[in-house]
């Protein structure tokens, strides 16, 4: 029997988290300030959500809109604060002004995560050279996932890249799981599953009322059924 596809849902608060788990989410990405594409949430939010659900929670480490690290010392402090609050999984990713990975900032944050598992997020979709980024990050402790649409423009544009990268699984820099997200729609899922991609990330798709409304258990449940081939 094949393992079931992973469904990760963005949660902003406890209400979102509870609805996402009830709908069949396997994991949460926890952020605040979605207008800035998701920043590090408060300690209170992290502890509240971890108490309310029993699925894994990945906490964003990001202080400002865009993909620059900004003040690396502050980033490290935030990562330490989240670890202190009990966070065990993380999401991060920083680029330099030339679109290369900011390896110094990434390594400084990873150094305080104590081997925790983490996702390199959609900064990869803005990278000047995706392959070089993956190879630069190869071997970093805890890196187990890339969140990507294959393109900055979203999954529609990025499908060829997603399929090409999935086909390289096992090569250096390509051992990590590909978590597809960014303009992802339900009608993409059967095609992606047939190509061997088995992890999916949704935000707005879980919110029928838009980002001002909560995560809908029913919307998450619909994704769960499609992923399970029901």
C-alpha atoms as a PDB file:
ATOM      1  CA  UNK A   1       0.000   0.000   0.000  1.00  0.00           C
ATOM      2  CA  UNK A   2       1.456   3.384  -0.954  1.00  0.00           C
ATOM      3  CA  UNK A   3       1.891   5.989   1.755  1.00  0.00           C
ATOM      4  CA  UNK A   4      -0.750   8.666   1.750  1.00  0.00           C
ATOM      5  CA  UNK A   5       0.010  12.049   0.242  1.00  0.00           C
ATOM      6  CA  UNK A   6       0.914  14.803   2.685  1.00  0.00           C
ATOM      7  CA  UNK A   7      -1.407  17.792   3.025  1.00  0.00           C
ATOM      8  CA  UNK A   8      -0.004  20.902   4.727  1.00  0.00           C
ATOM      9  CA  UNK A   9      -2.322  23.826   5.506  1.00  0.00           C
ATOM     10  CA  UNK A  10      -1.387  27.385   6.486  1.00  0.00           C
ATOM     11  CA  UNK A  11      -2.769  28.302   9.906  1.00  0.00           C
ATOM     12  CA  UNK A  12      -2.874  31.785  11.405  1.00  0.00           C
ATOM     13  CA  UNK A  13      -4.513  30.930  14.737  1.00  0.00           C
ATOM     14  CA  UNK A  14      -5.940  28.146  16.897  1.00  0.00           C
ATOM     15  CA  UNK A  15      -9.304  28.163  15.068  1.00  0.00           C
ATOM     16  CA  UNK A  16      -7.528  27.557  11.749  1.00  0.00           C
ATOM     17  CA  UNK A  17      -5.395  24.811  13.220  1.00  0.00           C
ATOM     18  CA  UNK A  18      -8.311  22.898  14.726  1.00  0.00           C
ATOM     19  CA  UNK A  19     -10.340  23.123  11.493  1.00  0.00           C
ATOM     20  CA  UNK A  20      -7.373  22.035   9.363  1.00  0.00           C
ATOM     21  CA  UNK A  21      -6.688  18.987  11.529  1.00  0.00           C
ATOM     22  CA  UNK A  22     -10.385  18.066  11.571  1.00  0.00           C
ATOM     23  CA  UNK A  23     -10.470  18.287   7.773  1.00  0.00           C
ATOM     24  CA  UNK A  24      -7.581  15.880   7.400  1.00  0.00           C
ATOM     25  CA  UNK A  25      -4.451  18.024   7.256  1.00  0.00           C
ATOM     26  CA  UNK A  26      -1.255  16.150   8.086  1.00  0.00           C
ATOM     27  CA  UNK A  27       0.762  19.218   9.018  1.00  0.00           C
ATOM     28  CA  UNK A  28       0.404  22.964   9.568  1.00  0.00           C
ATOM     29  CA  UNK A  29       2.552  25.854   8.434  1.00  0.00           C
ATOM     30  CA  UNK A  30       2.201  28.505  11.101  1.00  0.00           C
ATOM     31  CA  UNK A  31       2.591  32.162  10.092  1.00  0.00           C
ATOM     32  CA  UNK A  32       1.256  35.619  10.795  1.00  0.00           C
ATOM     33  CA  UNK A  33       0.720  38.638   8.514  1.00  0.00           C
ATOM     34  CA  UNK A  34      -0.265  36.929   5.285  1.00  0.00           C
ATOM     35  CA  UNK A  35      -0.247  40.319   3.534  1.00  0.00           C
ATOM     36  CA  UNK A  36       3.548  40.092   3.812  1.00  0.00           C
ATOM     37  CA  UNK A  37       3.467  36.464   2.577  1.00  0.00           C
ATOM     38  CA  UNK A  38       3.766  35.053   6.081  1.00  0.00           C
ATOM     39  CA  UNK A  39       6.002  36.132   8.957  1.00  0.00           C
ATOM     40  CA  UNK A  40       7.008  34.561  12.283  1.00  0.00           C
ATOM     41  CA  UNK A  41       3.989  34.267  14.587  1.00  0.00           C
ATOM     42  CA  UNK A  42       3.930  35.133  18.280  1.00  0.00           C
ATOM     43  CA  UNK A  43       5.034  32.744  21.000  1.00  0.00           C
ATOM     44  CA  UNK A  44       1.445  32.752  22.323  1.00  0.00           C
ATOM     45  CA  UNK A  45       0.137  31.603  18.942  1.00  0.00           C
ATOM     46  CA  UNK A  46       2.732  28.845  18.697  1.00  0.00           C
ATOM     47  CA  UNK A  47       2.032  27.517  22.187  1.00  0.00           C
ATOM     48  CA  UNK A  48      -1.732  27.811  21.735  1.00  0.00           C
ATOM     49  CA  UNK A  49      -1.754  25.878  18.486  1.00  0.00           C
ATOM     50  CA  UNK A  50       0.628  23.198  19.733  1.00  0.00           C
ATOM     51  CA  UNK A  51      -1.728  22.661  22.680  1.00  0.00           C
ATOM     52  CA  UNK A  52      -4.829  22.530  20.450  1.00  0.00           C
ATOM     53  CA  UNK A  53      -3.707  20.000  17.804  1.00  0.00           C
ATOM     54  CA  UNK A  54      -1.550  16.895  17.676  1.00  0.00           C
ATOM     55  CA  UNK A  55      -0.337  17.087  14.076  1.00  0.00           C
ATOM     56  CA  UNK A  56       3.123  18.527  13.294  1.00  0.00           C
ATOM     57  CA  UNK A  57       3.460  22.309  13.120  1.00  0.00           C
ATOM     58  CA  UNK A  58       6.141  24.068  11.053  1.00  0.00           C
ATOM     59  CA  UNK A  59       6.819  27.604  12.247  1.00  0.00           C
ATOM     60  CA  UNK A  60       7.927  30.340   9.845  1.00  0.00           C
ATOM     61  CA  UNK A  61      11.225  32.106  10.586  1.00  0.00           C
ATOM     62  CA  UNK A  62      10.881  35.375   8.656  1.00  0.00           C
ATOM     63  CA  UNK A  63      10.824  38.965   9.877  1.00  0.00           C
ATOM     64  CA  UNK A  64       9.884  41.036   6.808  1.00  0.00           C
ATOM     65  CA  UNK A  65       8.284  40.760   3.385  1.00  0.00           C
ATOM     66  CA  UNK A  66      10.648  39.676   0.615  1.00  0.00           C
ATOM     67  CA  UNK A  67      13.410  37.090   0.664  1.00  0.00           C
ATOM     68  CA  UNK A  68      16.310  39.039   2.194  1.00  0.00           C
ATOM     69  CA  UNK A  69      17.370  37.792   5.626  1.00  0.00           C
ATOM     70  CA  UNK A  70      17.649  41.284   7.060  1.00  0.00           C
ATOM     71  CA  UNK A  71      19.190  41.325  10.526  1.00  0.00           C
ATOM     72  CA  UNK A  72      20.591  37.806  10.922  1.00  0.00           C
ATOM     73  CA  UNK A  73      21.163  38.355  14.647  1.00  0.00           C
ATOM     74  CA  UNK A  74      17.445  39.090  15.094  1.00  0.00           C
ATOM     75  CA  UNK A  75      16.528  36.061  12.992  1.00  0.00           C
ATOM     76  CA  UNK A  76      18.632  33.819  15.192  1.00  0.00           C
ATOM     77  CA  UNK A  77      16.975  35.317  18.269  1.00  0.00           C
ATOM     78  CA  UNK A  78      13.519  34.631  16.859  1.00  0.00           C
ATOM     79  CA  UNK A  79      14.454  31.049  15.992  1.00  0.00           C
ATOM     80  CA  UNK A  80      15.761  30.536  19.538  1.00  0.00           C
ATOM     81  CA  UNK A  81      12.559  32.038  20.948  1.00  0.00           C
ATOM     82  CA  UNK A  82      10.414  29.654  18.868  1.00  0.00           C
ATOM     83  CA  UNK A  83      12.510  26.679  19.978  1.00  0.00           C
ATOM     84  CA  UNK A  84      12.076  27.844  23.557  1.00  0.00           C
ATOM     85  CA  UNK A  85       8.306  27.955  23.019  1.00  0.00           C
ATOM     86  CA  UNK A  86       8.394  24.281  22.004  1.00  0.00           C
ATOM     87  CA  UNK A  87       8.443  24.574  18.211  1.00  0.00           C
ATOM     88  CA  UNK A  88      10.016  21.448  16.718  1.00  0.00           C
ATOM     89  CA  UNK A  89       9.744  22.064  12.954  1.00  0.00           C
ATOM     90  CA  UNK A  90      10.442  25.199  10.930  1.00  0.00           C
ATOM     91  CA  UNK A  91      10.155  26.994   7.575  1.00  0.00           C
ATOM     92  CA  UNK A  92      12.789  29.430   6.301  1.00  0.00           C
ATOM     93  CA  UNK A  93      14.705  30.591   3.242  1.00  0.00           C
ATOM     94  CA  UNK A  94      16.786  33.640   2.364  1.00  0.00           C
ATOM     95  CA  UNK A  95      18.299  35.018  -0.843  1.00  0.00           C
ATOM     96  CA  UNK A  96      21.033  37.587  -1.382  1.00  0.00           C
ATOM     97  CA  UNK A  97      20.539  40.588  -3.719  1.00  0.00           C
ATOM     98  CA  UNK A  98      21.788  38.523  -6.689  1.00  0.00           C
ATOM     99  CA  UNK A  99      19.183  35.797  -6.165  1.00  0.00           C
ATOM    100  CA  UNK A 100      21.627  33.260  -4.733  1.00  0.00           C
ATOM    101  CA  UNK A 101      20.912  31.541  -1.431  1.00  0.00           C
ATOM    102  CA  UNK A 102      22.088  33.597   1.565  1.00  0.00           C
ATOM    103  CA  UNK A 103      23.972  30.645   2.984  1.00  0.00           C
ATOM    104  CA  UNK A 104      25.376  32.579   5.931  1.00  0.00           C
ATOM    105  CA  UNK A 105      21.923  33.568   7.186  1.00  0.00           C
ATOM    106  CA  UNK A 106      20.479  30.092   6.603  1.00  0.00           C
ATOM    107  CA  UNK A 107      23.370  28.391   8.373  1.00  0.00           C
ATOM    108  CA  UNK A 108      23.183  30.769  11.344  1.00  0.00           C
ATOM    109  CA  UNK A 109      19.483  30.029  11.846  1.00  0.00           C
ATOM    110  CA  UNK A 110      19.880  26.279  11.308  1.00  0.00           C
ATOM    111  CA  UNK A 111      22.689  26.232  13.879  1.00  0.00           C
ATOM    112  CA  UNK A 112      20.238  27.156  16.651  1.00  0.00           C
ATOM    113  CA  UNK A 113      17.487  24.752  15.545  1.00  0.00           C
ATOM    114  CA  UNK A 114      19.297  21.816  17.110  1.00  0.00           C
ATOM    115  CA  UNK A 115      18.736  19.414  14.225  1.00  0.00           C
ATOM    116  CA  UNK A 116      15.002  20.149  13.930  1.00  0.00           C
ATOM    117  CA  UNK A 117      13.426  19.392  10.568  1.00  0.00           C
ATOM    118  CA  UNK A 118      12.720  22.335   8.285  1.00  0.00           C
ATOM    119  CA  UNK A 119      11.403  23.397   4.906  1.00  0.00           C
ATOM    120  CA  UNK A 120      13.203  25.755   2.526  1.00  0.00           C
ATOM    121  CA  UNK A 121      10.245  27.788   1.286  1.00  0.00           C
ATOM    122  CA  UNK A 122       9.316  29.467  -1.987  1.00  0.00           C
ATOM    123  CA  UNK A 123      12.414  31.642  -2.000  1.00  0.00           C
ATOM    124  CA  UNK A 124      13.650  28.848  -4.299  1.00  0.00           C
ATOM    125  CA  UNK A 125      11.110  30.055  -6.875  1.00  0.00           C
ATOM    126  CA  UNK A 126      12.849  33.470  -6.905  1.00  0.00           C
ATOM    127  CA  UNK A 127      16.373  32.059  -7.058  1.00  0.00           C
ATOM    128  CA  UNK A 128      18.622  32.935  -9.973  1.00  0.00           C
ATOM    129  CA  UNK A 129      19.732  29.278 -10.182  1.00  0.00           C
ATOM    130  CA  UNK A 130      17.554  26.651  -8.502  1.00  0.00           C
ATOM    131  CA  UNK A 131      20.068  23.851  -9.008  1.00  0.00           C
ATOM    132  CA  UNK A 132      22.915  25.880  -7.481  1.00  0.00           C
ATOM    133  CA  UNK A 133      20.711  26.737  -4.501  1.00  0.00           C
ATOM    134  CA  UNK A 134      19.858  23.098  -3.863  1.00  0.00           C
ATOM    135  CA  UNK A 135      23.487  22.039  -4.122  1.00  0.00           C
ATOM    136  CA  UNK A 136      24.608  24.838  -1.789  1.00  0.00           C
ATOM    137  CA  UNK A 137      22.102  23.654   0.842  1.00  0.00           C
ATOM    138  CA  UNK A 138      22.865  19.947   0.381  1.00  0.00           C
ATOM    139  CA  UNK A 139      23.778  18.317   3.663  1.00  0.00           C
ATOM    140  CA  UNK A 140      22.452  21.046   5.967  1.00  0.00           C
ATOM    141  CA  UNK A 141      21.108  19.528   9.178  1.00  0.00           C
ATOM    142  CA  UNK A 142      17.334  19.085   9.234  1.00  0.00           C
ATOM    143  CA  UNK A 143      16.510  20.196   5.682  1.00  0.00           C
ATOM    144  CA  UNK A 144      13.915  17.689   4.485  1.00  0.00           C
ATOM    145  CA  UNK A 145      11.530  19.666   2.249  1.00  0.00           C
ATOM    146  CA  UNK A 146      11.390  22.279  -0.513  1.00  0.00           C
ATOM    147  CA  UNK A 147       8.136  24.231  -0.781  1.00  0.00           C
ATOM    148  CA  UNK A 148       7.894  25.234  -4.435  1.00  0.00           C
ATOM    149  CA  UNK A 149       5.518  25.962  -7.277  1.00  0.00           C
ATOM    150  CA  UNK A 150       8.325  25.452  -9.775  1.00  0.00           C
ATOM    151  CA  UNK A 151       7.984  29.115 -10.741  1.00  0.00           C
ATOM    152  CA  UNK A 152       7.489  32.483  -9.050  1.00  0.00           C
ATOM    153  CA  UNK A 153       4.295  32.740 -11.129  1.00  0.00           C
ATOM    154  CA  UNK A 154       2.756  29.612  -9.609  1.00  0.00           C
ATOM    155  CA  UNK A 155       2.119  25.951 -10.387  1.00  0.00           C
ATOM    156  CA  UNK A 156       0.577  26.546 -13.841  1.00  0.00           C
ATOM    157  CA  UNK A 157       3.903  27.984 -15.033  1.00  0.00           C
ATOM    158  CA  UNK A 158       6.068  25.762 -12.872  1.00  0.00           C
ATOM    159  CA  UNK A 159       4.739  22.299 -13.751  1.00  0.00           C
ATOM    160  CA  UNK A 160       7.616  21.381 -16.119  1.00  0.00           C
ATOM    161  CA  UNK A 161      10.186  22.372 -13.484  1.00  0.00           C
ATOM    162  CA  UNK A 162       8.371  20.460 -10.733  1.00  0.00           C
ATOM    163  CA  UNK A 163       8.291  17.311 -12.861  1.00  0.00           C
ATOM    164  CA  UNK A 164      11.932  17.658 -13.905  1.00  0.00           C
ATOM    165  CA  UNK A 165      13.092  18.131 -10.311  1.00  0.00           C
ATOM    166  CA  UNK A 166      10.953  15.277  -9.011  1.00  0.00           C
ATOM    167  CA  UNK A 167      12.593  13.017 -11.592  1.00  0.00           C
ATOM    168  CA  UNK A 168      16.006  13.840 -10.071  1.00  0.00           C
ATOM    169  CA  UNK A 169      15.042  12.544  -6.616  1.00  0.00           C
ATOM    170  CA  UNK A 170      18.018  10.916  -4.931  1.00  0.00           C
ATOM    171  CA  UNK A 171      20.662  13.043  -6.651  1.00  0.00           C
ATOM    172  CA  UNK A 172      22.759  15.306  -4.383  1.00  0.00           C
ATOM    173  CA  UNK A 173      20.589  18.312  -3.579  1.00  0.00           C
ATOM    174  CA  UNK A 174      17.417  16.489  -4.646  1.00  0.00           C
ATOM    175  CA  UNK A 175      16.863  14.046  -1.792  1.00  0.00           C
ATOM    176  CA  UNK A 176      14.389  16.337  -0.048  1.00  0.00           C
ATOM    177  CA  UNK A 177      10.641  16.005  -0.435  1.00  0.00           C
ATOM    178  CA  UNK A 178       9.018  18.398  -2.898  1.00  0.00           C
ATOM    179  CA  UNK A 179       6.044  20.134  -1.256  1.00  0.00           C
ATOM    180  CA  UNK A 180       3.977  21.685  -4.046  1.00  0.00           C
ATOM    181  CA  UNK A 181       2.380  25.016  -3.212  1.00  0.00           C
ATOM    182  CA  UNK A 182       1.726  28.420  -4.740  1.00  0.00           C
ATOM    183  CA  UNK A 183      -1.243  28.778  -7.054  1.00  0.00           C
ATOM    184  CA  UNK A 184      -2.003  25.089  -6.526  1.00  0.00           C
ATOM    185  CA  UNK A 185      -5.520  23.971  -7.509  1.00  0.00           C
ATOM    186  CA  UNK A 186      -7.384  20.724  -6.995  1.00  0.00           C
ATOM    187  CA  UNK A 187      -7.293  20.031 -10.735  1.00  0.00           C
ATOM    188  CA  UNK A 188      -3.463  19.960 -10.612  1.00  0.00           C
ATOM    189  CA  UNK A 189      -3.442  17.180  -8.024  1.00  0.00           C
ATOM    190  CA  UNK A 190      -4.168  14.032 -10.081  1.00  0.00           C
ATOM    191  CA  UNK A 191      -1.499  15.001 -12.609  1.00  0.00           C
ATOM    192  CA  UNK A 192       1.080  15.734  -9.917  1.00  0.00           C
ATOM    193  CA  UNK A 193       0.272  12.515  -8.054  1.00  0.00           C
ATOM    194  CA  UNK A 194       0.684  10.499 -11.263  1.00  0.00           C
ATOM    195  CA  UNK A 195       4.139  12.096 -11.680  1.00  0.00           C
ATOM    196  CA  UNK A 196       5.139  10.881  -8.221  1.00  0.00           C
ATOM    197  CA  UNK A 197       4.751  14.153  -6.298  1.00  0.00           C
ATOM    198  CA  UNK A 198       3.100  13.366  -2.980  1.00  0.00           C
ATOM    199  CA  UNK A 199       3.104  16.513  -0.806  1.00  0.00           C
ATOM    200  CA  UNK A 200       0.806  19.517  -1.186  1.00  0.00           C
ATOM    201  CA  UNK A 201       0.568  22.902   0.548  1.00  0.00           C
ATOM    202  CA  UNK A 202      -2.537  25.105   0.585  1.00  0.00           C
ATOM    203  CA  UNK A 203      -3.382  28.488   2.042  1.00  0.00           C
ATOM    204  CA  UNK A 204      -6.137  30.433   0.317  1.00  0.00           C
ATOM    205  CA  UNK A 205      -7.585  27.195  -1.072  1.00  0.00           C
ATOM    206  CA  UNK A 206      -8.557  26.221   2.474  1.00  0.00           C
ATOM    207  CA  UNK A 207     -10.449  29.510   2.998  1.00  0.00           C
ATOM    208  CA  UNK A 208     -13.661  29.934   0.975  1.00  0.00           C
ATOM    209  CA  UNK A 209     -14.130  33.444   2.424  1.00  0.00           C
ATOM    210  CA  UNK A 210     -10.595  34.507   1.519  1.00  0.00           C
ATOM    211  CA  UNK A 211      -7.792  35.379   3.920  1.00  0.00           C
ATOM    212  CA  UNK A 212     -10.128  37.427   6.124  1.00  0.00           C
ATOM    213  CA  UNK A 213     -12.072  34.241   6.868  1.00  0.00           C
ATOM    214  CA  UNK A 214     -11.025  31.089   8.730  1.00  0.00           C
ATOM    215  CA  UNK A 215      -9.783  27.767   7.448  1.00  0.00           C
ATOM    216  CA  UNK A 216     -12.772  25.639   6.434  1.00  0.00           C
ATOM    217  CA  UNK A 217     -12.840  22.052   7.645  1.00  0.00           C
ATOM    218  CA  UNK A 218     -14.982  21.156   4.626  1.00  0.00           C
ATOM    219  CA  UNK A 219     -12.541  22.737   2.153  1.00  0.00           C
ATOM    220  CA  UNK A 220      -9.604  20.881   3.709  1.00  0.00           C
ATOM    221  CA  UNK A 221     -11.688  17.701   3.656  1.00  0.00           C
ATOM    222  CA  UNK A 222     -12.274  18.077  -0.075  1.00  0.00           C
ATOM    223  CA  UNK A 223      -8.510  18.278  -0.660  1.00  0.00           C
ATOM    224  CA  UNK A 224      -7.995  15.262   1.599  1.00  0.00           C
ATOM    225  CA  UNK A 225     -10.467  13.204  -0.442  1.00  0.00           C
ATOM    226  CA  UNK A 226      -8.858  14.163  -3.761  1.00  0.00           C
ATOM    227  CA  UNK A 227      -5.376  13.387  -2.421  1.00  0.00           C
ATOM    228  CA  UNK A 228      -6.623  10.025  -1.183  1.00  0.00           C
ATOM    229  CA  UNK A 229      -8.256   9.268  -4.545  1.00  0.00           C
ATOM    230  CA  UNK A 230     -11.709   9.044  -2.993  1.00  0.00           C
END
